[in-house]
PDB file of N, CA and C in Angstrom:
ATOM      1  N   MET A   1     113.984  83.120  99.899  1.00  0.00           N
ATOM      2  CA  MET A   1     113.962  84.279 100.742  1.00  0.00           C
ATOM      3  C   MET A   1     115.272  83.896 101.933  1.00  0.00           C
ATOM      4  N   ASP A   2     116.105  85.037 102.037  1.00  0.00           N
ATOM      5  CA  ASP A   2     116.871  84.805 103.034  1.00  0.00           C
ATOM      6  C   ASP A   2     116.298  85.416 104.379  1.00  0.00           C
ATOM      7  N   VAL A   3     116.439  84.687 105.527  1.00  0.00           N
ATOM      8  CA  VAL A   3     115.977  85.578 106.735  1.00  0.00           C
ATOM      9  C   VAL A   3     117.324  85.338 107.655  1.00  0.00           C
ATOM     10  N   LYS A   4     117.572  86.503 108.131  1.00  0.00           N
ATOM     11  CA  LYS A   4     118.624  86.865 109.021  1.00  0.00           C
ATOM     12  C   LYS A   4     118.196  86.390 110.364  1.00  0.00           C
ATOM     13  N   LYS A   5     119.348  86.062 111.649  1.00  0.00           N
ATOM     14  CA  LYS A   5     119.077  85.506 112.573  1.00  0.00           C
ATOM     15  C   LYS A   5     118.998  86.653 113.474  1.00  0.00           C
ATOM     16  N   SER A   6     117.806  86.982 114.279  1.00  0.00           N
ATOM     17  CA  SER A   6     117.762  87.998 114.827  1.00  0.00           C
ATOM     18  C   SER A   6     118.036  87.814 116.533  1.00  0.00           C
ATOM     19  N   MET A   7     118.148  89.236 117.034  1.00  0.00           N
ATOM     20  CA  MET A   7     118.472  89.200 118.549  1.00  0.00           C
ATOM     21  C   MET A   7     117.007  88.435 119.274  1.00  0.00           C
ATOM     22  N   PRO A   8     117.162  87.891 120.531  1.00  0.00           N
ATOM     23  CA  PRO A   8     115.999  87.415 121.141  1.00  0.00           C
ATOM     24  C   PRO A   8     114.750  88.289 121.100  1.00  0.00           C
ATOM     25  N   HIS A   9     114.903  89.247 121.361  1.00  0.00           N
ATOM     26  CA  HIS A   9     113.648  90.455 121.133  1.00  0.00           C
ATOM     27  C   HIS A   9     113.405  90.762 120.163  1.00  0.00           C
ATOM     28  N   GLU A  10     113.908  90.662 118.878  1.00  0.00           N
ATOM     29  CA  GLU A  10     113.569  90.949 117.262  1.00  0.00           C
ATOM     30  C   GLU A  10     112.991  89.587 117.078  1.00  0.00           C
ATOM     31  N   SER A  11     112.384  90.075 116.071  1.00  0.00           N
ATOM     32  CA  SER A  11     111.396  89.140 115.022  1.00  0.00           C
ATOM     33  C   SER A  11     112.386  88.797 113.964  1.00  0.00           C
ATOM     34  N   ALA A  12     112.708  87.760 112.874  1.00  0.00           N
ATOM     35  CA  ALA A  12     113.332  87.394 111.771  1.00  0.00           C
ATOM     36  C   ALA A  12     113.132  88.729 111.041  1.00  0.00           C
ATOM     37  N   LEU A  13     114.290  89.250 110.341  1.00  0.00           N
ATOM     38  CA  LEU A  13     114.249  90.270 109.472  1.00  0.00           C
ATOM     39  C   LEU A  13     114.269  89.820 107.870  1.00  0.00           C
ATOM     40  N   ILE A  14     113.574  89.850 107.216  1.00  0.00           N
ATOM     41  CA  ILE A  14     113.518  89.615 105.824  1.00  0.00           C
ATOM     42  C   ILE A  14     114.918  89.883 104.957  1.00  0.00           C
ATOM     43  N   THR A  15     115.809  89.645 104.659  1.00  0.00           N
ATOM     44  CA  THR A  15     116.938  90.424 104.038  1.00  0.00           C
ATOM     45  C   THR A  15     116.853  90.437 102.349  1.00  0.00           C
ATOM     46  N   SER A  16     115.886  89.630 102.055  1.00  0.00           N
ATOM     47  CA  SER A  16     115.857  89.718 100.339  1.00  0.00           C
ATOM     48  C   SER A  16     115.286  91.203 100.264  1.00  0.00           C
ATOM     49  N   ARG A  17     115.304  91.761  98.831  1.00  0.00           N
ATOM     50  CA  ARG A  17     115.118  92.840  98.640  1.00  0.00           C
ATOM     51  C   ARG A  17     113.609  93.085  97.766  1.00  0.00           C
ATOM     52  N   LEU A  18     112.579  92.935  98.696  1.00  0.00           N
ATOM     53  CA  LEU A  18     111.358  93.117  98.156  1.00  0.00           C
ATOM     54  C   LEU A  18     111.230  94.438  97.943  1.00  0.00           C
ATOM     55  N   LYS A  19     110.456  94.636  96.589  1.00  0.00           N
ATOM     56  CA  LYS A  19     110.214  95.743  95.921  1.00  0.00           C
ATOM     57  C   LYS A  19     108.854  96.343  96.277  1.00  0.00           C
ATOM     58  N   VAL A  20     108.653  97.382  97.179  1.00  0.00           N
ATOM     59  CA  VAL A  20     107.607  98.147  97.573  1.00  0.00           C
ATOM     60  C   VAL A  20     107.190  99.226  96.916  1.00  0.00           C
ATOM     61  N   ALA A  21     105.793  99.272  96.343  1.00  0.00           N
ATOM     62  CA  ALA A  21     105.611 100.428  95.576  1.00  0.00           C
ATOM     63  C   ALA A  21     104.725 101.268  96.880  1.00  0.00           C
ATOM     64  N   VAL A  22     105.262 102.224  97.142  1.00  0.00           N
ATOM     65  CA  VAL A  22     104.162 102.840  98.198  1.00  0.00           C
ATOM     66  C   VAL A  22     103.285 104.208  97.382  1.00  0.00           C
ATOM     67  N   LEU A  23     101.951 104.045  97.259  1.00  0.00           N
ATOM     68  CA  LEU A  23     101.267 104.818  96.422  1.00  0.00           C
ATOM     69  C   LEU A  23     100.307 106.060  97.370  1.00  0.00           C
ATOM     70  N   MET A  24     100.600 107.016  96.782  1.00  0.00           N
ATOM     71  CA  MET A  24     100.511 108.198  97.811  1.00  0.00           C
ATOM     72  C   MET A  24      99.851 109.052  96.810  1.00  0.00           C
ATOM     73  N   GLY A  25      99.392 110.349  97.565  1.00  0.00           N
ATOM     74  CA  GLY A  25      98.912 111.427  96.707  1.00  0.00           C
ATOM     75  C   GLY A  25      97.541 111.372  96.405  1.00  0.00           C
ATOM     76  N   GLY A  26      97.318 111.064  95.284  1.00  0.00           N
ATOM     77  CA  GLY A  26      95.693 110.734  94.893  1.00  0.00           C
ATOM     78  C   GLY A  26      94.972 112.033  94.389  1.00  0.00           C
ATOM     79  N   VAL A  27      93.427 112.164  94.508  1.00  0.00           N
ATOM     80  CA  VAL A  27      92.779 113.459  94.013  1.00  0.00           C
ATOM     81  C   VAL A  27      92.034 113.810  95.015  1.00  0.00           C
ATOM     82  N   SER A  28      91.743 113.332  96.190  1.00  0.00           N
ATOM     83  CA  SER A  28      91.036 113.767  97.299  1.00  0.00           C
ATOM     84  C   SER A  28      91.646 115.101  98.107  1.00  0.00           C
ATOM     85  N   SER A  29      90.636 115.669  98.849  1.00  0.00           N
ATOM     86  CA  SER A  29      91.514 117.280  99.565  1.00  0.00           C
ATOM     87  C   SER A  29      92.186 116.481 100.701  1.00  0.00           C
ATOM     88  N   GLU A  30      92.630 115.294 100.793  1.00  0.00           N
ATOM     89  CA  GLU A  30      93.787 114.756 101.816  1.00  0.00           C
ATOM     90  C   GLU A  30      95.064 114.465 101.163  1.00  0.00           C
ATOM     91  N   ARG A  31      95.048 114.916 100.123  1.00  0.00           N
ATOM     92  CA  ARG A  31      96.364 114.738  99.282  1.00  0.00           C
ATOM     93  C   ARG A  31      97.655 114.864  99.779  1.00  0.00           C
ATOM     94  N   GLU A  32      97.814 116.132 100.400  1.00  0.00           N
ATOM     95  CA  GLU A  32      99.384 116.491 101.094  1.00  0.00           C
ATOM     96  C   GLU A  32      99.372 115.588 102.118  1.00  0.00           C
ATOM     97  N   ILE A  33      98.527 115.408 102.857  1.00  0.00           N
ATOM     98  CA  ILE A  33      98.365 114.383 103.886  1.00  0.00           C
ATOM     99  C   ILE A  33      99.074 113.014 103.336  1.00  0.00           C
ATOM    100  N   SER A  34      98.335 112.586 102.647  1.00  0.00           N
ATOM    101  CA  SER A  34      98.748 111.322 101.746  1.00  0.00           C
ATOM    102  C   SER A  34     100.303 111.246 101.434  1.00  0.00           C
ATOM    103  N   ILE A  35     100.595 112.302 100.882  1.00  0.00           N
ATOM    104  CA  ILE A  35     101.985 112.505 100.302  1.00  0.00           C
ATOM    105  C   ILE A  35     102.961 112.484 101.421  1.00  0.00           C
ATOM    106  N   ARG A  36     102.944 113.019 102.349  1.00  0.00           N
ATOM    107  CA  ARG A  36     103.412 113.184 103.982  1.00  0.00           C
ATOM    108  C   ARG A  36     103.422 111.911 104.641  1.00  0.00           C
ATOM    109  N   SER A  37     102.252 111.145 104.804  1.00  0.00           N
ATOM    110  CA  SER A  37     102.594 109.779 105.333  1.00  0.00           C
ATOM    111  C   SER A  37     103.048 108.859 104.378  1.00  0.00           C
ATOM    112  N   GLY A  38     102.758 108.917 103.052  1.00  0.00           N
ATOM    113  CA  GLY A  38     103.493 108.045 102.142  1.00  0.00           C
ATOM    114  C   GLY A  38     105.012 108.141 102.140  1.00  0.00           C
ATOM    115  N   THR A  39     105.321 109.278 102.396  1.00  0.00           N
ATOM    116  CA  THR A  39     107.120 109.570 102.331  1.00  0.00           C
ATOM    117  C   THR A  39     107.211 108.944 103.587  1.00  0.00           C
ATOM    118  N   TYR A  40     106.879 108.942 104.703  1.00  0.00           N
ATOM    119  CA  TYR A  40     107.061 108.355 106.166  1.00  0.00           C
ATOM    120  C   TYR A  40     107.209 106.878 105.894  1.00  0.00           C
ATOM    121  N   VAL A  41     106.264 106.344 105.364  1.00  0.00           N
ATOM    122  CA  VAL A  41     106.269 104.757 105.320  1.00  0.00           C
ATOM    123  C   VAL A  41     107.112 104.351 104.219  1.00  0.00           C
ATOM    124  N   GLY A  42     107.541 105.191 103.164  1.00  0.00           N
ATOM    125  CA  GLY A  42     108.608 104.519 102.010  1.00  0.00           C
ATOM    126  C   GLY A  42     109.806 104.724 103.205  1.00  0.00           C
ATOM    127  N   GLN A  43     110.116 105.728 103.531  1.00  0.00           N
ATOM    128  CA  GLN A  43     111.362 106.021 104.434  1.00  0.00           C
ATOM    129  C   GLN A  43     111.586 104.858 105.702  1.00  0.00           C
ATOM    130  N   ALA A  44     110.557 104.422 106.133  1.00  0.00           N
ATOM    131  CA  ALA A  44     110.288 103.172 107.250  1.00  0.00           C
ATOM    132  C   ALA A  44     110.877 101.928 106.606  1.00  0.00           C
ATOM    133  N   LEU A  45     110.341 101.883 105.133  1.00  0.00           N
ATOM    134  CA  LEU A  45     110.259 100.266 104.733  1.00  0.00           C
ATOM    135  C   LEU A  45     111.835 100.400 104.125  1.00  0.00           C
ATOM    136  N   GLU A  46     112.555 101.380 103.486  1.00  0.00           N
ATOM    137  CA  GLU A  46     113.756 101.604 103.283  1.00  0.00           C
ATOM    138  C   GLU A  46     114.610 101.252 104.560  1.00  0.00           C
ATOM    139  N   GLN A  47     114.386 101.721 105.535  1.00  0.00           N
ATOM    140  CA  GLN A  47     115.354 101.436 106.789  1.00  0.00           C
ATOM    141  C   GLN A  47     114.977 100.051 107.073  1.00  0.00           C
ATOM    142  N   ALA A  48     113.885  99.404 106.816  1.00  0.00           N
ATOM    143  CA  ALA A  48     113.756  98.027 107.168  1.00  0.00           C
ATOM    144  C   ALA A  48     114.631  97.081 106.194  1.00  0.00           C
ATOM    145  N   GLY A  49     114.882  97.560 104.902  1.00  0.00           N
ATOM    146  CA  GLY A  49     115.777  96.690 104.161  1.00  0.00           C
ATOM    147  C   GLY A  49     115.118  96.608 102.855  1.00  0.00           C
ATOM    148  N   PHE A  50     113.768  97.068 102.751  1.00  0.00           N
ATOM    149  CA  PHE A  50     113.269  97.034 101.176  1.00  0.00           C
ATOM    150  C   PHE A  50     113.439  97.843 100.223  1.00  0.00           C
ATOM    151  N   ASN A  51     113.290  97.446  98.795  1.00  0.00           N
ATOM    152  CA  ASN A  51     113.352  98.444  98.006  1.00  0.00           C
ATOM    153  C   ASN A  51     112.295  99.123  97.621  1.00  0.00           C
ATOM    154  N   VAL A  52     112.326 100.308  97.716  1.00  0.00           N
ATOM    155  CA  VAL A  52     110.746 101.005  97.565  1.00  0.00           C
ATOM    156  C   VAL A  52     110.825 102.000  96.400  1.00  0.00           C
ATOM    157  N   ALA A  53     109.559 102.472  96.005  1.00  0.00           N
ATOM    158  CA  ALA A  53     109.455 103.194  94.702  1.00  0.00           C
ATOM    159  C   ALA A  53     108.261 104.115  95.147  1.00  0.00           C
ATOM    160  N   ALA A  54     108.295 105.215  95.537  1.00  0.00           N
ATOM    161  CA  ALA A  54     107.302 106.308  96.069  1.00  0.00           C
ATOM    162  C   ALA A  54     106.725 106.718  94.821  1.00  0.00           C
ATOM    163  N   VAL A  55     105.418 106.606  94.636  1.00  0.00           N
ATOM    164  CA  VAL A  55     104.760 106.833  93.477  1.00  0.00           C
ATOM    165  C   VAL A  55     103.400 107.742  94.018  1.00  0.00           C
ATOM    166  N   ASP A  56     103.231 108.904  93.237  1.00  0.00           N
ATOM    167  CA  ASP A  56     102.030 109.599  93.213  1.00  0.00           C
ATOM    168  C   ASP A  56     101.334 108.904  92.157  1.00  0.00           C
ATOM    169  N   ILE A  57     100.031 108.984  92.949  1.00  0.00           N
ATOM    170  CA  ILE A  57      99.224 108.012  91.733  1.00  0.00           C
ATOM    171  C   ILE A  57      97.927 108.754  92.082  1.00  0.00           C
ATOM    172  N   ASP A  58      97.261 108.580  90.817  1.00  0.00           N
ATOM    173  CA  ASP A  58      95.614 109.265  90.636  1.00  0.00           C
ATOM    174  C   ASP A  58      95.239 108.171  89.651  1.00  0.00           C
ATOM    175  N   PRO A  59      93.914 108.602  89.482  1.00  0.00           N
ATOM    176  CA  PRO A  59      93.218 107.484  88.537  1.00  0.00           C
ATOM    177  C   PRO A  59      93.468 107.885  87.140  1.00  0.00           C
ATOM    178  N   GLU A  60      94.018 108.611  86.520  1.00  0.00           N
ATOM    179  CA  GLU A  60      94.474 109.028  85.098  1.00  0.00           C
ATOM    180  C   GLU A  60      95.927 108.560  85.297  1.00  0.00           C
ATOM    181  N   ASN A  61      96.720 108.169  86.120  1.00  0.00           N
ATOM    182  CA  ASN A  61      98.326 107.857  86.231  1.00  0.00           C
ATOM    183  C   ASN A  61      98.255 106.466  86.888  1.00  0.00           C
ATOM    184  N   LEU A  62      98.179 105.412  86.444  1.00  0.00           N
ATOM    185  CA  LEU A  62      98.175 103.841  86.825  1.00  0.00           C
ATOM    186  C   LEU A  62      99.241 103.325  86.469  1.00  0.00           C
ATOM    187  N   ASN A  63     100.309 104.110  85.509  1.00  0.00           N
ATOM    188  CA  ASN A  63     101.325 103.072  85.087  1.00  0.00           C
ATOM    189  C   ASN A  63     101.878 102.264  85.859  1.00  0.00           C
ATOM    190  N   ILE A  64     102.327 102.626  87.043  1.00  0.00           N
ATOM    191  CA  ILE A  64     103.246 101.492  88.087  1.00  0.00           C
ATOM    192  C   ILE A  64     102.418 100.417  88.204  1.00  0.00           C
ATOM    193  N   LEU A  65     101.250 100.343  87.868  1.00  0.00           N
ATOM    194  CA  LEU A  65     100.381  99.017  88.404  1.00  0.00           C
ATOM    195  C   LEU A  65     100.661  97.775  87.114  1.00  0.00           C
ATOM    196  N   ASP A  66     101.579  98.182  86.010  1.00  0.00           N
ATOM    197  CA  ASP A  66     101.989  97.534  85.039  1.00  0.00           C
ATOM    198  C   ASP A  66     103.433  97.094  85.338  1.00  0.00           C
ATOM    199  N   ASP A  67     103.968  97.659  86.265  1.00  0.00           N
ATOM    200  CA  ASP A  67     105.413  97.502  86.461  1.00  0.00           C
ATOM    201  C   ASP A  67     105.499  96.021  87.039  1.00  0.00           C
ATOM    202  N   LYS A  68     106.115  95.023  86.465  1.00  0.00           N
ATOM    203  CA  LYS A  68     106.281  94.057  86.999  1.00  0.00           C
ATOM    204  C   LYS A  68     107.223  93.389  87.947  1.00  0.00           C
ATOM    205  N   SER A  69     108.340  94.414  88.042  1.00  0.00           N
ATOM    206  CA  SER A  69     109.119  94.265  89.226  1.00  0.00           C
ATOM    207  C   SER A  69     108.615  94.382  90.563  1.00  0.00           C
ATOM    208  N   ILE A  70     107.575  95.196  90.670  1.00  0.00           N
ATOM    209  CA  ILE A  70     106.902  95.560  92.035  1.00  0.00           C
ATOM    210  C   ILE A  70     106.227  94.287  92.718  1.00  0.00           C
ATOM    211  N   ASP A  71     106.544  93.710  93.890  1.00  0.00           N
ATOM    212  CA  ASP A  71     106.118  92.742  94.538  1.00  0.00           C
ATOM    213  C   ASP A  71     104.947  92.894  95.272  1.00  0.00           C
ATOM    214  N   VAL A  72     104.661  94.111  95.860  1.00  0.00           N
ATOM    215  CA  VAL A  72     103.722  94.471  96.829  1.00  0.00           C
ATOM    216  C   VAL A  72     103.332  95.919  96.856  1.00  0.00           C
ATOM    217  N   PHE A  73     102.123  96.250  96.731  1.00  0.00           N
ATOM    218  CA  PHE A  73     101.615  97.938  96.609  1.00  0.00           C
ATOM    219  C   PHE A  73     101.301  98.292  98.004  1.00  0.00           C
ATOM    220  N   PHE A  74     101.972  99.233  98.515  1.00  0.00           N
ATOM    221  CA  PHE A  74     101.536  99.710  99.850  1.00  0.00           C
ATOM    222  C   PHE A  74     100.715 100.980  99.589  1.00  0.00           C
ATOM    223  N   ILE A  75      99.371 100.641 100.144  1.00  0.00           N
ATOM    224  CA  ILE A  75      98.460 101.847  99.812  1.00  0.00           C
ATOM    225  C   ILE A  75      98.340 103.086 100.884  1.00  0.00           C
ATOM    226  N   ALA A  76      99.004 104.130 100.599  1.00  0.00           N
ATOM    227  CA  ALA A  76      98.942 105.402 101.589  1.00  0.00           C
ATOM    228  C   ALA A  76      98.205 106.567 101.130  1.00  0.00           C
ATOM    229  N   LEU A  77      96.958 106.067 100.305  1.00  0.00           N
ATOM    230  CA  LEU A  77      96.157 107.164  99.749  1.00  0.00           C
ATOM    231  C   LEU A  77      94.900 107.487 100.882  1.00  0.00           C
ATOM    232  N   HIS A  78      94.909 108.734 100.906  1.00  0.00           N
ATOM    233  CA  HIS A  78      93.567 109.348 102.042  1.00  0.00           C
ATOM    234  C   HIS A  78      92.469 109.689 101.231  1.00  0.00           C
ATOM    235  N   GLY A  79      91.363 109.339 101.846  1.00  0.00           N
ATOM    236  CA  GLY A  79      90.147 109.839 100.952  1.00  0.00           C
ATOM    237  C   GLY A  79      89.488 109.215  99.912  1.00  0.00           C
ATOM    238  N   GLY A  80      88.492 109.547  99.139  1.00  0.00           N
ATOM    239  CA  GLY A  80      88.278 108.905  97.775  1.00  0.00           C
ATOM    240  C   GLY A  80      89.458 108.274  96.819  1.00  0.00           C
ATOM    241  N   PHE A  81      88.798 107.107  95.803  1.00  0.00           N
ATOM    242  CA  PHE A  81      89.787 106.490  95.552  1.00  0.00           C
ATOM    243  C   PHE A  81      90.798 106.056  96.090  1.00  0.00           C
ATOM    244  N   GLY A  82      91.406 106.160  97.027  1.00  0.00           N
ATOM    245  CA  GLY A  82      92.599 105.196  97.741  1.00  0.00           C
ATOM    246  C   GLY A  82      91.629 104.620  99.041  1.00  0.00           C
ATOM    247  N   GLU A  83      90.604 104.952  99.647  1.00  0.00           N
ATOM    248  CA  GLU A  83      89.794 104.229 100.544  1.00  0.00           C
ATOM    249  C   GLU A  83      88.665 103.864 100.653  1.00  0.00           C
ATOM    250  N   ASP A  84      88.045 104.333  99.240  1.00  0.00           N
ATOM    251  CA  ASP A  84      86.593 103.834  98.836  1.00  0.00           C
ATOM    252  C   ASP A  84      86.448 102.480  98.148  1.00  0.00           C
ATOM    253  N   GLY A  85      87.466 101.763  98.104  1.00  0.00           N
ATOM    254  CA  GLY A  85      87.528 100.507  96.745  1.00  0.00           C
ATOM    255  C   GLY A  85      88.029 100.492  95.645  1.00  0.00           C
ATOM    256  N   ARG A  86      87.665 101.757  94.876  1.00  0.00           N
ATOM    257  CA  ARG A  86      88.109 101.647  93.635  1.00  0.00           C
ATOM    258  C   ARG A  86      89.550 101.408  93.431  1.00  0.00           C
ATOM    259  N   LEU A  87      90.708 101.947  93.961  1.00  0.00           N
ATOM    260  CA  LEU A  87      92.067 101.344  93.640  1.00  0.00           C
ATOM    261  C   LEU A  87      92.102 100.044  94.165  1.00  0.00           C
ATOM    262  N   GLN A  88      91.643  99.744  95.262  1.00  0.00           N
ATOM    263  CA  GLN A  88      91.646  98.224  95.596  1.00  0.00           C
ATOM    264  C   GLN A  88      91.245  97.077  94.497  1.00  0.00           C
ATOM    265  N   GLU A  89      89.951  97.517  93.756  1.00  0.00           N
ATOM    266  CA  GLU A  89      89.502  96.756  92.833  1.00  0.00           C
ATOM    267  C   GLU A  89      90.293  96.489  91.553  1.00  0.00           C
ATOM    268  N   ILE A  90      90.890  97.845  91.169  1.00  0.00           N
ATOM    269  CA  ILE A  90      91.668  97.816  89.842  1.00  0.00           C
ATOM    270  C   ILE A  90      92.998  96.832  90.432  1.00  0.00           C
ATOM    271  N   LEU A  91      93.536  96.751  91.648  1.00  0.00           N
ATOM    272  CA  LEU A  91      94.678  96.112  92.045  1.00  0.00           C
ATOM    273  C   LEU A  91      94.385  94.526  91.962  1.00  0.00           C
ATOM    274  N   GLU A  92      92.956  94.231  92.937  1.00  0.00           N
ATOM    275  CA  GLU A  92      92.393  92.724  92.246  1.00  0.00           C
ATOM    276  C   GLU A  92      92.336  92.211  91.084  1.00  0.00           C
ATOM    277  N   SER A  93      91.677  93.220  90.155  1.00  0.00           N
ATOM    278  CA  SER A  93      91.559  92.725  88.714  1.00  0.00           C
ATOM    279  C   SER A  93      92.591  92.533  88.036  1.00  0.00           C
ATOM    280  N   LYS A  94      93.974  92.997  88.423  1.00  0.00           N
ATOM    281  CA  LYS A  94      95.252  92.932  87.861  1.00  0.00           C
ATOM    282  C   LYS A  94      95.830  91.616  88.560  1.00  0.00           C
ATOM    283  N   GLY A  95      95.306  91.227  89.539  1.00  0.00           N
ATOM    284  CA  GLY A  95      95.911  90.246  90.305  1.00  0.00           C
ATOM    285  C   GLY A  95      97.231  90.547  91.474  1.00  0.00           C
ATOM    286  N   LEU A  96      97.365  91.427  91.626  1.00  0.00           N
ATOM    287  CA  LEU A  96      98.430  92.291  92.530  1.00  0.00           C
ATOM    288  C   LEU A  96      98.194  92.239  93.976  1.00  0.00           C
ATOM    289  N   VAL A  97      99.113  91.796  94.649  1.00  0.00           N
ATOM    290  CA  VAL A  97      99.386  91.803  95.873  1.00  0.00           C
ATOM    291  C   VAL A  97      99.518  93.446  96.722  1.00  0.00           C
ATOM    292  N   TYR A  98      98.393  93.444  97.585  1.00  0.00           N
ATOM    293  CA  TYR A  98      98.508  95.326  98.236  1.00  0.00           C
ATOM    294  C   TYR A  98      98.351  95.019  99.763  1.00  0.00           C
ATOM    295  N   THR A  99      98.392  95.968 100.249  1.00  0.00           N
ATOM    296  CA  THR A  99      98.252  96.150 101.715  1.00  0.00           C
ATOM    297  C   THR A  99      96.652  96.895 101.727  1.00  0.00           C
ATOM    298  N   VAL A 100      96.185  96.743 103.028  1.00  0.00           N
ATOM    299  CA  VAL A 100      94.839  97.416 103.434  1.00  0.00           C
ATOM    300  C   VAL A 100      93.558  96.406 102.917  1.00  0.00           C
ATOM    301  N   SER A 101      92.482  96.684 103.451  1.00  0.00           N
ATOM    302  CA  SER A 101      91.177  95.984 103.134  1.00  0.00           C
ATOM    303  C   SER A 101      90.807  95.921 101.901  1.00  0.00           C
ATOM    304  N   GLY A 102      90.286  94.680 101.598  1.00  0.00           N
ATOM    305  CA  GLY A 102      89.818  94.404 100.070  1.00  0.00           C
ATOM    306  C   GLY A 102      88.880  95.390  99.624  1.00  0.00           C
ATOM    307  N   SER A 103      88.376  95.730  98.261  1.00  0.00           N
ATOM    308  CA  SER A 103      87.672  96.193  97.707  1.00  0.00           C
ATOM    309  C   SER A 103      86.264  96.399  98.342  1.00  0.00           C
ATOM    310  N   ALA A 104      85.547  95.534  98.690  1.00  0.00           N
ATOM    311  CA  ALA A 104      84.269  95.224  99.201  1.00  0.00           C
ATOM    312  C   ALA A 104      84.278  95.832 100.703  1.00  0.00           C
ATOM    313  N   GLY A 105      85.231  95.419 101.578  1.00  0.00           N
ATOM    314  CA  GLY A 105      85.472  96.199 103.000  1.00  0.00           C
ATOM    315  C   GLY A 105      85.864  97.726 102.724  1.00  0.00           C
ATOM    316  N   SER A 106      86.322  97.980 101.900  1.00  0.00           N
ATOM    317  CA  SER A 106      86.644  99.529 101.557  1.00  0.00           C
ATOM    318  C   SER A 106      85.270 100.150 101.716  1.00  0.00           C
ATOM    319  N   ARG A 107      84.449  99.496 100.505  1.00  0.00           N
ATOM    320  CA  ARG A 107      83.233 100.500 100.092  1.00  0.00           C
ATOM    321  C   ARG A 107      82.200 100.463 101.039  1.00  0.00           C
ATOM    322  N   ILE A 108      82.421  99.354 101.963  1.00  0.00           N
ATOM    323  CA  ILE A 108      81.388  99.224 103.235  1.00  0.00           C
ATOM    324  C   ILE A 108      81.800 100.043 104.332  1.00  0.00           C
ATOM    325  N   ARG A 109      83.104 100.290 104.522  1.00  0.00           N
ATOM    326  CA  ARG A 109      83.615 101.288 105.346  1.00  0.00           C
ATOM    327  C   ARG A 109      83.277 102.626 105.028  1.00  0.00           C
ATOM    328  N   VAL A 110      83.338 103.116 103.783  1.00  0.00           N
ATOM    329  CA  VAL A 110      83.401 104.463 103.385  1.00  0.00           C
ATOM    330  C   VAL A 110      81.747 104.599 103.499  1.00  0.00           C
ATOM    331  N   ALA A 111      80.908 103.826 102.965  1.00  0.00           N
ATOM    332  CA  ALA A 111      79.763 103.853 102.921  1.00  0.00           C
ATOM    333  C   ALA A 111      79.154 104.085 104.439  1.00  0.00           C
ATOM    334  N   ARG A 112      79.706 103.603 105.685  1.00  0.00           N
ATOM    335  CA  ARG A 112      79.217 103.635 106.859  1.00  0.00           C
ATOM    336  C   ARG A 112      79.808 104.885 107.257  1.00  0.00           C
ATOM    337  N   ILE A 113      80.703 105.518 106.965  1.00  0.00           N
ATOM    338  CA  ILE A 113      81.475 106.973 107.447  1.00  0.00           C
ATOM    339  C   ILE A 113      80.672 108.019 106.624  1.00  0.00           C
ATOM    340  N   ASP A 114      80.238 107.744 105.469  1.00  0.00           N
ATOM    341  CA  ASP A 114      79.476 108.617 104.699  1.00  0.00           C
ATOM    342  C   ASP A 114      77.849 108.801 105.329  1.00  0.00           C
ATOM    343  N   GLY A 115      77.548 107.526 105.944  1.00  0.00           N
ATOM    344  CA  GLY A 115      76.208 107.499 106.412  1.00  0.00           C
ATOM    345  C   GLY A 115      75.073 107.281 105.642  1.00  0.00           C
ATOM    346  N   ASN A 116      75.505 107.314 104.124  1.00  0.00           N
ATOM    347  CA  ASN A 116      74.496 107.260 102.945  1.00  0.00           C
ATOM    348  C   ASN A 116      74.280 105.783 102.290  1.00  0.00           C
ATOM    349  N   GLY A 117      75.048 104.910 102.891  1.00  0.00           N
ATOM    350  CA  GLY A 117      74.945 103.632 102.617  1.00  0.00           C
ATOM    351  C   GLY A 117      75.260 103.313 101.283  1.00  0.00           C
ATOM    352  N   ASP A 118      75.726 104.501 100.421  1.00  0.00           N
ATOM    353  CA  ASP A 118      75.977 104.136  98.736  1.00  0.00           C
ATOM    354  C   ASP A 118      77.451 104.126  99.170  1.00  0.00           C
ATOM    355  N   ALA A 119      77.847 102.933  98.483  1.00  0.00           N
ATOM    356  CA  ALA A 119      79.206 102.597  98.421  1.00  0.00           C
ATOM    357  C   ALA A 119      79.650 102.138  96.774  1.00  0.00           C
ATOM    358  N   GLY A 120      78.869 102.827  95.980  1.00  0.00           N
ATOM    359  CA  GLY A 120      79.341 103.022  94.759  1.00  0.00           C
ATOM    360  C   GLY A 120      80.507 103.728  94.189  1.00  0.00           C
ATOM    361  N   PRO A 121      80.806 103.440  92.843  1.00  0.00           N
ATOM    362  CA  PRO A 121      82.144 104.146  92.487  1.00  0.00           C
ATOM    363  C   PRO A 121      82.393 105.901  92.857  1.00  0.00           C
ATOM    364  N   ASP A 122      81.163 106.405  93.313  1.00  0.00           N
ATOM    365  CA  ASP A 122      81.200 108.029  93.323  1.00  0.00           C
ATOM    366  C   ASP A 122      81.230 108.181  94.853  1.00  0.00           C
ATOM    367  N   ALA A 123      81.175 107.372  95.358  1.00  0.00           N
ATOM    368  CA  ALA A 123      81.300 107.420  97.169  1.00  0.00           C
ATOM    369  C   ALA A 123      82.749 108.210  97.303  1.00  0.00           C
ATOM    370  N   GLN A 124      82.537 109.327  98.369  1.00  0.00           N
ATOM    371  CA  GLN A 124      83.805 110.116  98.658  1.00  0.00           C
ATOM    372  C   GLN A 124      84.213 109.759 100.107  1.00  0.00           C
ATOM    373  N   GLY A 125      85.569 109.536 100.391  1.00  0.00           N
ATOM    374  CA  GLY A 125      85.954 109.120 101.571  1.00  0.00           C
ATOM    375  C   GLY A 125      86.453 110.403 102.539  1.00  0.00           C
TER     376      GLY A 125
END
């Protein structure tokens, strides 16, 4: 991995072209917000020099997770499936690198927000 020397006020920039899949969309009522925020994240990552794949994902369309060219998955989904630990659990089971909390932490957070203590697969975020 190449590191570009930076100005004193900047951190070192990774100039290698890591491929980041920005996962957005989903099936919750917050789908449109997820697409908007995922688009902004993708644009920022591209400006920072990353190779970005913007992906509209849902539980029935997980093909991107089998793409061996992806180095890291950036989760930009809001609500159920993206924040309740289900997607994180799938990523973990495949040994994939991703952003945000792990599946257990996500389930606990959603259960606390819901106030019902149920962090099972049907929990809504």
